[in-house]
C-alpha atoms as a PDB file:
ATOM      1  CA  UNK A   1      82.621 140.832 149.688  1.00  0.00           C
ATOM      2  CA  UNK A   2      80.394 138.539 147.373  1.00  0.00           C
ATOM      3  CA  UNK A   3      81.833 140.129 144.100  1.00  0.00           C
ATOM      4  CA  UNK A   4      85.385 138.934 145.472  1.00  0.00           C
ATOM      5  CA  UNK A   5      83.999 135.609 146.356  1.00  0.00           C
ATOM      6  CA  UNK A   6      82.123 135.170 142.834  1.00  0.00           C
ATOM      7  CA  UNK A   7      85.214 136.336 141.120  1.00  0.00           C
ATOM      8  CA  UNK A   8      87.650 134.204 143.312  1.00  0.00           C
ATOM      9  CA  UNK A   9      85.849 131.255 142.522  1.00  0.00           C
ATOM     10  CA  UNK A  10      85.336 131.912 138.724  1.00  0.00           C
ATOM     11  CA  UNK A  11      89.106 132.199 138.280  1.00  0.00           C
ATOM     12  CA  UNK A  12      89.475 129.273 140.202  1.00  0.00           C
ATOM     13  CA  UNK A  13      87.108 127.182 138.059  1.00  0.00           C
ATOM     14  CA  UNK A  14      88.635 128.732 134.957  1.00  0.00           C
ATOM     15  CA  UNK A  15      92.514 127.434 136.054  1.00  0.00           C
ATOM     16  CA  UNK A  16      90.882 124.571 136.356  1.00  0.00           C
ATOM     17  CA  UNK A  17      89.292 123.856 133.177  1.00  0.00           C
ATOM     18  CA  UNK A  18      92.374 124.955 131.490  1.00  0.00           C
ATOM     19  CA  UNK A  19      94.690 122.798 133.289  1.00  0.00           C
ATOM     20  CA  UNK A  20      92.215 119.713 132.268  1.00  0.00           C
ATOM     21  CA  UNK A  21      91.813 121.169 128.729  1.00  0.00           C
ATOM     22  CA  UNK A  22      95.781 121.483 128.225  1.00  0.00           C
ATOM     23  CA  UNK A  23      96.970 118.320 130.296  1.00  0.00           C
ATOM     24  CA  UNK A  24      98.017 115.666 127.763  1.00  0.00           C
ATOM     25  CA  UNK A  25      95.932 112.063 128.257  1.00  0.00           C
ATOM     26  CA  UNK A  26      96.810 109.206 126.282  1.00  0.00           C
ATOM     27  CA  UNK A  27      94.879 106.082 126.564  1.00  0.00           C
ATOM     28  CA  UNK A  28      96.724 103.215 124.952  1.00  0.00           C
ATOM     29  CA  UNK A  29      94.367 100.370 125.822  1.00  0.00           C
ATOM     30  CA  UNK A  30      91.117 100.416 127.251  1.00  0.00           C
ATOM     31  CA  UNK A  31      90.526  97.138 129.658  1.00  0.00           C
ATOM     32  CA  UNK A  32      87.646  95.779 129.770  1.00  0.00           C
ATOM     33  CA  UNK A  33      86.445  93.956 133.378  1.00  0.00           C
ATOM     34  CA  UNK A  34      83.389  91.346 133.422  1.00  0.00           C
ATOM     35  CA  UNK A  35      82.820  90.217 136.240  1.00  0.00           C
ATOM     36  CA  UNK A  36      80.141  87.865 136.762  1.00  0.00           C
ATOM     37  CA  UNK A  37      78.319  88.213 140.319  1.00  0.00           C
ATOM     38  CA  UNK A  38      76.006  85.411 141.137  1.00  0.00           C
ATOM     39  CA  UNK A  39      72.422  85.212 141.377  1.00  0.00           C
ATOM     40  CA  UNK A  40      69.966  83.754 143.592  1.00  0.00           C
ATOM     41  CA  UNK A  41      67.092  81.845 141.428  1.00  0.00           C
ATOM     42  CA  UNK A  42      64.846  78.605 143.037  1.00  0.00           C
ATOM     43  CA  UNK A  43      67.470  76.138 141.447  1.00  0.00           C
ATOM     44  CA  UNK A  44      70.356  77.882 143.549  1.00  0.00           C
ATOM     45  CA  UNK A  45      71.279  74.947 146.555  1.00  0.00           C
ATOM     46  CA  UNK A  46      71.910  76.721 150.090  1.00  0.00           C
ATOM     47  CA  UNK A  47      73.954  75.164 152.894  1.00  0.00           C
ATOM     48  CA  UNK A  48      72.809  77.079 156.070  1.00  0.00           C
ATOM     49  CA  UNK A  49      75.590  77.203 159.310  1.00  0.00           C
ATOM     50  CA  UNK A  50      76.590  79.560 162.298  1.00  0.00           C
ATOM     51  CA  UNK A  51      78.914  81.987 162.988  1.00  0.00           C
ATOM     52  CA  UNK A  52      79.694  83.304 166.374  1.00  0.00           C
ATOM     53  CA  UNK A  53      79.357  87.202 166.504  1.00  0.00           C
ATOM     54  CA  UNK A  54      82.440  88.716 168.115  1.00  0.00           C
ATOM     55  CA  UNK A  55      82.327  90.816 171.217  1.00  0.00           C
ATOM     56  CA  UNK A  56      78.554  89.369 171.847  1.00  0.00           C
ATOM     57  CA  UNK A  57      77.320  86.848 173.639  1.00  0.00           C
ATOM     58  CA  UNK A  58      76.527  83.908 171.133  1.00  0.00           C
ATOM     59  CA  UNK A  59      73.388  82.149 171.443  1.00  0.00           C
ATOM     60  CA  UNK A  60      73.504  78.171 170.926  1.00  0.00           C
ATOM     61  CA  UNK A  61      74.473  77.803 167.341  1.00  0.00           C
ATOM     62  CA  UNK A  62      73.218  74.028 166.797  1.00  0.00           C
ATOM     63  CA  UNK A  63      69.719  75.415 167.771  1.00  0.00           C
ATOM     64  CA  UNK A  64      69.961  78.176 165.874  1.00  0.00           C
ATOM     65  CA  UNK A  65      70.836  76.281 162.959  1.00  0.00           C
ATOM     66  CA  UNK A  66      68.093  74.177 163.435  1.00  0.00           C
ATOM     67  CA  UNK A  67      65.266  77.044 163.299  1.00  0.00           C
ATOM     68  CA  UNK A  68      67.133  78.846 160.498  1.00  0.00           C
ATOM     69  CA  UNK A  69      66.399  75.567 158.437  1.00  0.00           C
ATOM     70  CA  UNK A  70      62.618  75.359 159.619  1.00  0.00           C
ATOM     71  CA  UNK A  71      62.469  79.088 159.009  1.00  0.00           C
ATOM     72  CA  UNK A  72      63.976  78.182 155.419  1.00  0.00           C
ATOM     73  CA  UNK A  73      61.817  75.194 154.730  1.00  0.00           C
ATOM     74  CA  UNK A  74      58.238  77.362 155.693  1.00  0.00           C
ATOM     75  CA  UNK A  75      58.660  80.366 154.177  1.00  0.00           C
ATOM     76  CA  UNK A  76      61.305  80.381 150.838  1.00  0.00           C
ATOM     77  CA  UNK A  77      61.697  77.685 147.474  1.00  0.00           C
ATOM     78  CA  UNK A  78      65.180  77.647 148.407  1.00  0.00           C
ATOM     79  CA  UNK A  79      66.727  74.017 148.162  1.00  0.00           C
ATOM     80  CA  UNK A  80      68.757  73.376 151.373  1.00  0.00           C
ATOM     81  CA  UNK A  81      71.554  70.738 150.964  1.00  0.00           C
ATOM     82  CA  UNK A  82      73.505  69.106 154.173  1.00  0.00           C
ATOM     83  CA  UNK A  83      77.040  69.075 152.349  1.00  0.00           C
ATOM     84  CA  UNK A  84      78.593  72.645 152.005  1.00  0.00           C
ATOM     85  CA  UNK A  85      80.665  71.101 148.764  1.00  0.00           C
ATOM     86  CA  UNK A  86      76.829  70.472 147.555  1.00  0.00           C
ATOM     87  CA  UNK A  87      76.259  74.296 147.998  1.00  0.00           C
ATOM     88  CA  UNK A  88      76.180  77.389 145.257  1.00  0.00           C
ATOM     89  CA  UNK A  89      75.437  79.514 148.051  1.00  0.00           C
ATOM     90  CA  UNK A  90      76.306  79.634 152.124  1.00  0.00           C
ATOM     91  CA  UNK A  91      73.434  81.303 154.285  1.00  0.00           C
ATOM     92  CA  UNK A  92      75.825  82.406 157.252  1.00  0.00           C
ATOM     93  CA  UNK A  93      73.483  83.203 160.548  1.00  0.00           C
ATOM     94  CA  UNK A  94      74.951  84.993 163.051  1.00  0.00           C
ATOM     95  CA  UNK A  95      72.576  85.476 166.606  1.00  0.00           C
ATOM     96  CA  UNK A  96      73.058  87.038 169.347  1.00  0.00           C
ATOM     97  CA  UNK A  97      71.627  88.023 172.787  1.00  0.00           C
ATOM     98  CA  UNK A  98      70.525  91.640 173.034  1.00  0.00           C
ATOM     99  CA  UNK A  99      69.270  91.168 176.595  1.00  0.00           C
ATOM    100  CA  UNK A 100      67.822  88.434 178.606  1.00  0.00           C
ATOM    101  CA  UNK A 101      64.809  87.131 176.198  1.00  0.00           C
ATOM    102  CA  UNK A 102      65.634  89.325 173.082  1.00  0.00           C
ATOM    103  CA  UNK A 103      67.825  88.407 170.052  1.00  0.00           C
ATOM    104  CA  UNK A 104      69.252  89.851 166.981  1.00  0.00           C
ATOM    105  CA  UNK A 105      69.725  87.910 163.871  1.00  0.00           C
ATOM    106  CA  UNK A 106      71.745  88.875 160.711  1.00  0.00           C
ATOM    107  CA  UNK A 107      71.588  86.829 157.833  1.00  0.00           C
ATOM    108  CA  UNK A 108      74.850  87.032 155.439  1.00  0.00           C
ATOM    109  CA  UNK A 109      74.864  85.097 151.745  1.00  0.00           C
ATOM    110  CA  UNK A 110      77.837  84.254 150.463  1.00  0.00           C
ATOM    111  CA  UNK A 111      78.918  82.348 146.948  1.00  0.00           C
ATOM    112  CA  UNK A 112      80.450  78.761 147.771  1.00  0.00           C
ATOM    113  CA  UNK A 113      82.872  78.663 145.575  1.00  0.00           C
ATOM    114  CA  UNK A 114      84.337  82.049 145.745  1.00  0.00           C
ATOM    115  CA  UNK A 115      83.359  83.446 149.402  1.00  0.00           C
ATOM    116  CA  UNK A 116      82.561  86.162 147.945  1.00  0.00           C
ATOM    117  CA  UNK A 117      79.717  88.642 149.606  1.00  0.00           C
ATOM    118  CA  UNK A 118      76.431  88.382 147.602  1.00  0.00           C
ATOM    119  CA  UNK A 119      73.953  89.557 149.956  1.00  0.00           C
ATOM    120  CA  UNK A 120      73.641  91.089 154.234  1.00  0.00           C
ATOM    121  CA  UNK A 121      70.713  91.430 155.895  1.00  0.00           C
ATOM    122  CA  UNK A 122      70.789  94.139 158.315  1.00  0.00           C
ATOM    123  CA  UNK A 123      70.739  93.092 162.143  1.00  0.00           C
ATOM    124  CA  UNK A 124      66.622  92.329 163.161  1.00  0.00           C
ATOM    125  CA  UNK A 125      65.238  91.846 166.675  1.00  0.00           C
ATOM    126  CA  UNK A 126      62.940  89.376 168.332  1.00  0.00           C
ATOM    127  CA  UNK A 127      61.444  88.752 171.386  1.00  0.00           C
ATOM    128  CA  UNK A 128      59.819  86.009 172.502  1.00  0.00           C
ATOM    129  CA  UNK A 129      55.864  85.344 172.042  1.00  0.00           C
ATOM    130  CA  UNK A 130      53.195  82.803 171.678  1.00  0.00           C
ATOM    131  CA  UNK A 131      53.225  82.588 167.969  1.00  0.00           C
ATOM    132  CA  UNK A 132      56.930  81.641 167.550  1.00  0.00           C
ATOM    133  CA  UNK A 133      57.120  79.117 170.247  1.00  0.00           C
ATOM    134  CA  UNK A 134      58.536  81.632 173.020  1.00  0.00           C
ATOM    135  CA  UNK A 135      61.438  82.138 171.034  1.00  0.00           C
ATOM    136  CA  UNK A 136      63.697  84.967 170.509  1.00  0.00           C
ATOM    137  CA  UNK A 137      65.607  83.629 168.366  1.00  0.00           C
ATOM    138  CA  UNK A 138      63.066  82.192 165.676  1.00  0.00           C
ATOM    139  CA  UNK A 139      61.573  85.555 165.842  1.00  0.00           C
ATOM    140  CA  UNK A 140      64.813  87.206 164.614  1.00  0.00           C
ATOM    141  CA  UNK A 141      65.788  84.735 161.952  1.00  0.00           C
ATOM    142  CA  UNK A 142      62.157  84.964 160.683  1.00  0.00           C
ATOM    143  CA  UNK A 143      62.123  88.646 160.644  1.00  0.00           C
ATOM    144  CA  UNK A 144      65.506  88.940 158.883  1.00  0.00           C
ATOM    145  CA  UNK A 145      64.320  86.204 156.587  1.00  0.00           C
ATOM    146  CA  UNK A 146      60.870  87.341 156.005  1.00  0.00           C
ATOM    147  CA  UNK A 147      61.567  91.113 156.174  1.00  0.00           C
ATOM    148  CA  UNK A 148      64.600  91.353 154.208  1.00  0.00           C
ATOM    149  CA  UNK A 149      65.841  88.900 152.775  1.00  0.00           C
ATOM    150  CA  UNK A 150      63.163  87.626 150.699  1.00  0.00           C
ATOM    151  CA  UNK A 151      61.976  91.202 150.147  1.00  0.00           C
ATOM    152  CA  UNK A 152      65.561  91.077 148.367  1.00  0.00           C
ATOM    153  CA  UNK A 153      65.149  88.190 146.530  1.00  0.00           C
ATOM    154  CA  UNK A 154      60.917  87.914 145.704  1.00  0.00           C
ATOM    155  CA  UNK A 155      61.422  84.838 143.271  1.00  0.00           C
ATOM    156  CA  UNK A 156      62.202  82.708 146.308  1.00  0.00           C
ATOM    157  CA  UNK A 157      59.666  83.405 148.560  1.00  0.00           C
ATOM    158  CA  UNK A 158      56.127  82.000 148.992  1.00  0.00           C
ATOM    159  CA  UNK A 159      54.227  80.909 152.334  1.00  0.00           C
ATOM    160  CA  UNK A 160      53.539  77.148 152.791  1.00  0.00           C
ATOM    161  CA  UNK A 161      49.986  75.807 153.991  1.00  0.00           C
ATOM    162  CA  UNK A 162      49.999  73.497 157.070  1.00  0.00           C
ATOM    163  CA  UNK A 163      48.519  70.238 154.274  1.00  0.00           C
ATOM    164  CA  UNK A 164      50.842  71.425 151.764  1.00  0.00           C
ATOM    165  CA  UNK A 165      53.139  68.302 150.401  1.00  0.00           C
ATOM    166  CA  UNK A 166      56.363  68.487 152.355  1.00  0.00           C
ATOM    167  CA  UNK A 167      59.209  69.395 150.433  1.00  0.00           C
ATOM    168  CA  UNK A 168      62.399  67.848 148.622  1.00  0.00           C
ATOM    169  CA  UNK A 169      65.279  67.756 150.460  1.00  0.00           C
ATOM    170  CA  UNK A 170      68.130  66.210 150.817  1.00  0.00           C
ATOM    171  CA  UNK A 171      68.013  65.340 154.165  1.00  0.00           C
END
């Protein structure tokens, strides 16, 4: 039985190779596609917006956006702008209620000019504790930022000390 299986496999492989060798292949021209993917740098400008998650119970978008602004100011070198037209990248924040107090958050980074996806974090879960101001939303956004986004782009990460000078924001 093994010999028949090996023999049929060998014949099948030989027939496939002979077909590939004798089939006509013509190449008239080669198209070279050059695509420039946007890269995140310390000089990049970011706009943060809240997007509702479909088929989920979403949190208050204004509060979630303000918490995301606070977390990005505390833990990253990201230059935040107040107008979407001034931004190089758009950070879409999605937060929904997982249970009574737990929240799930995700950050999606898109190019502001072409609206192409640059990076997308995994869903991260946060629960309210004393250390995050009793806010599951703040913890889930912080986890998505620190444990996913800033690990992918470490050149944007830093930790501020409480007596550090205020960073320059245009609002």
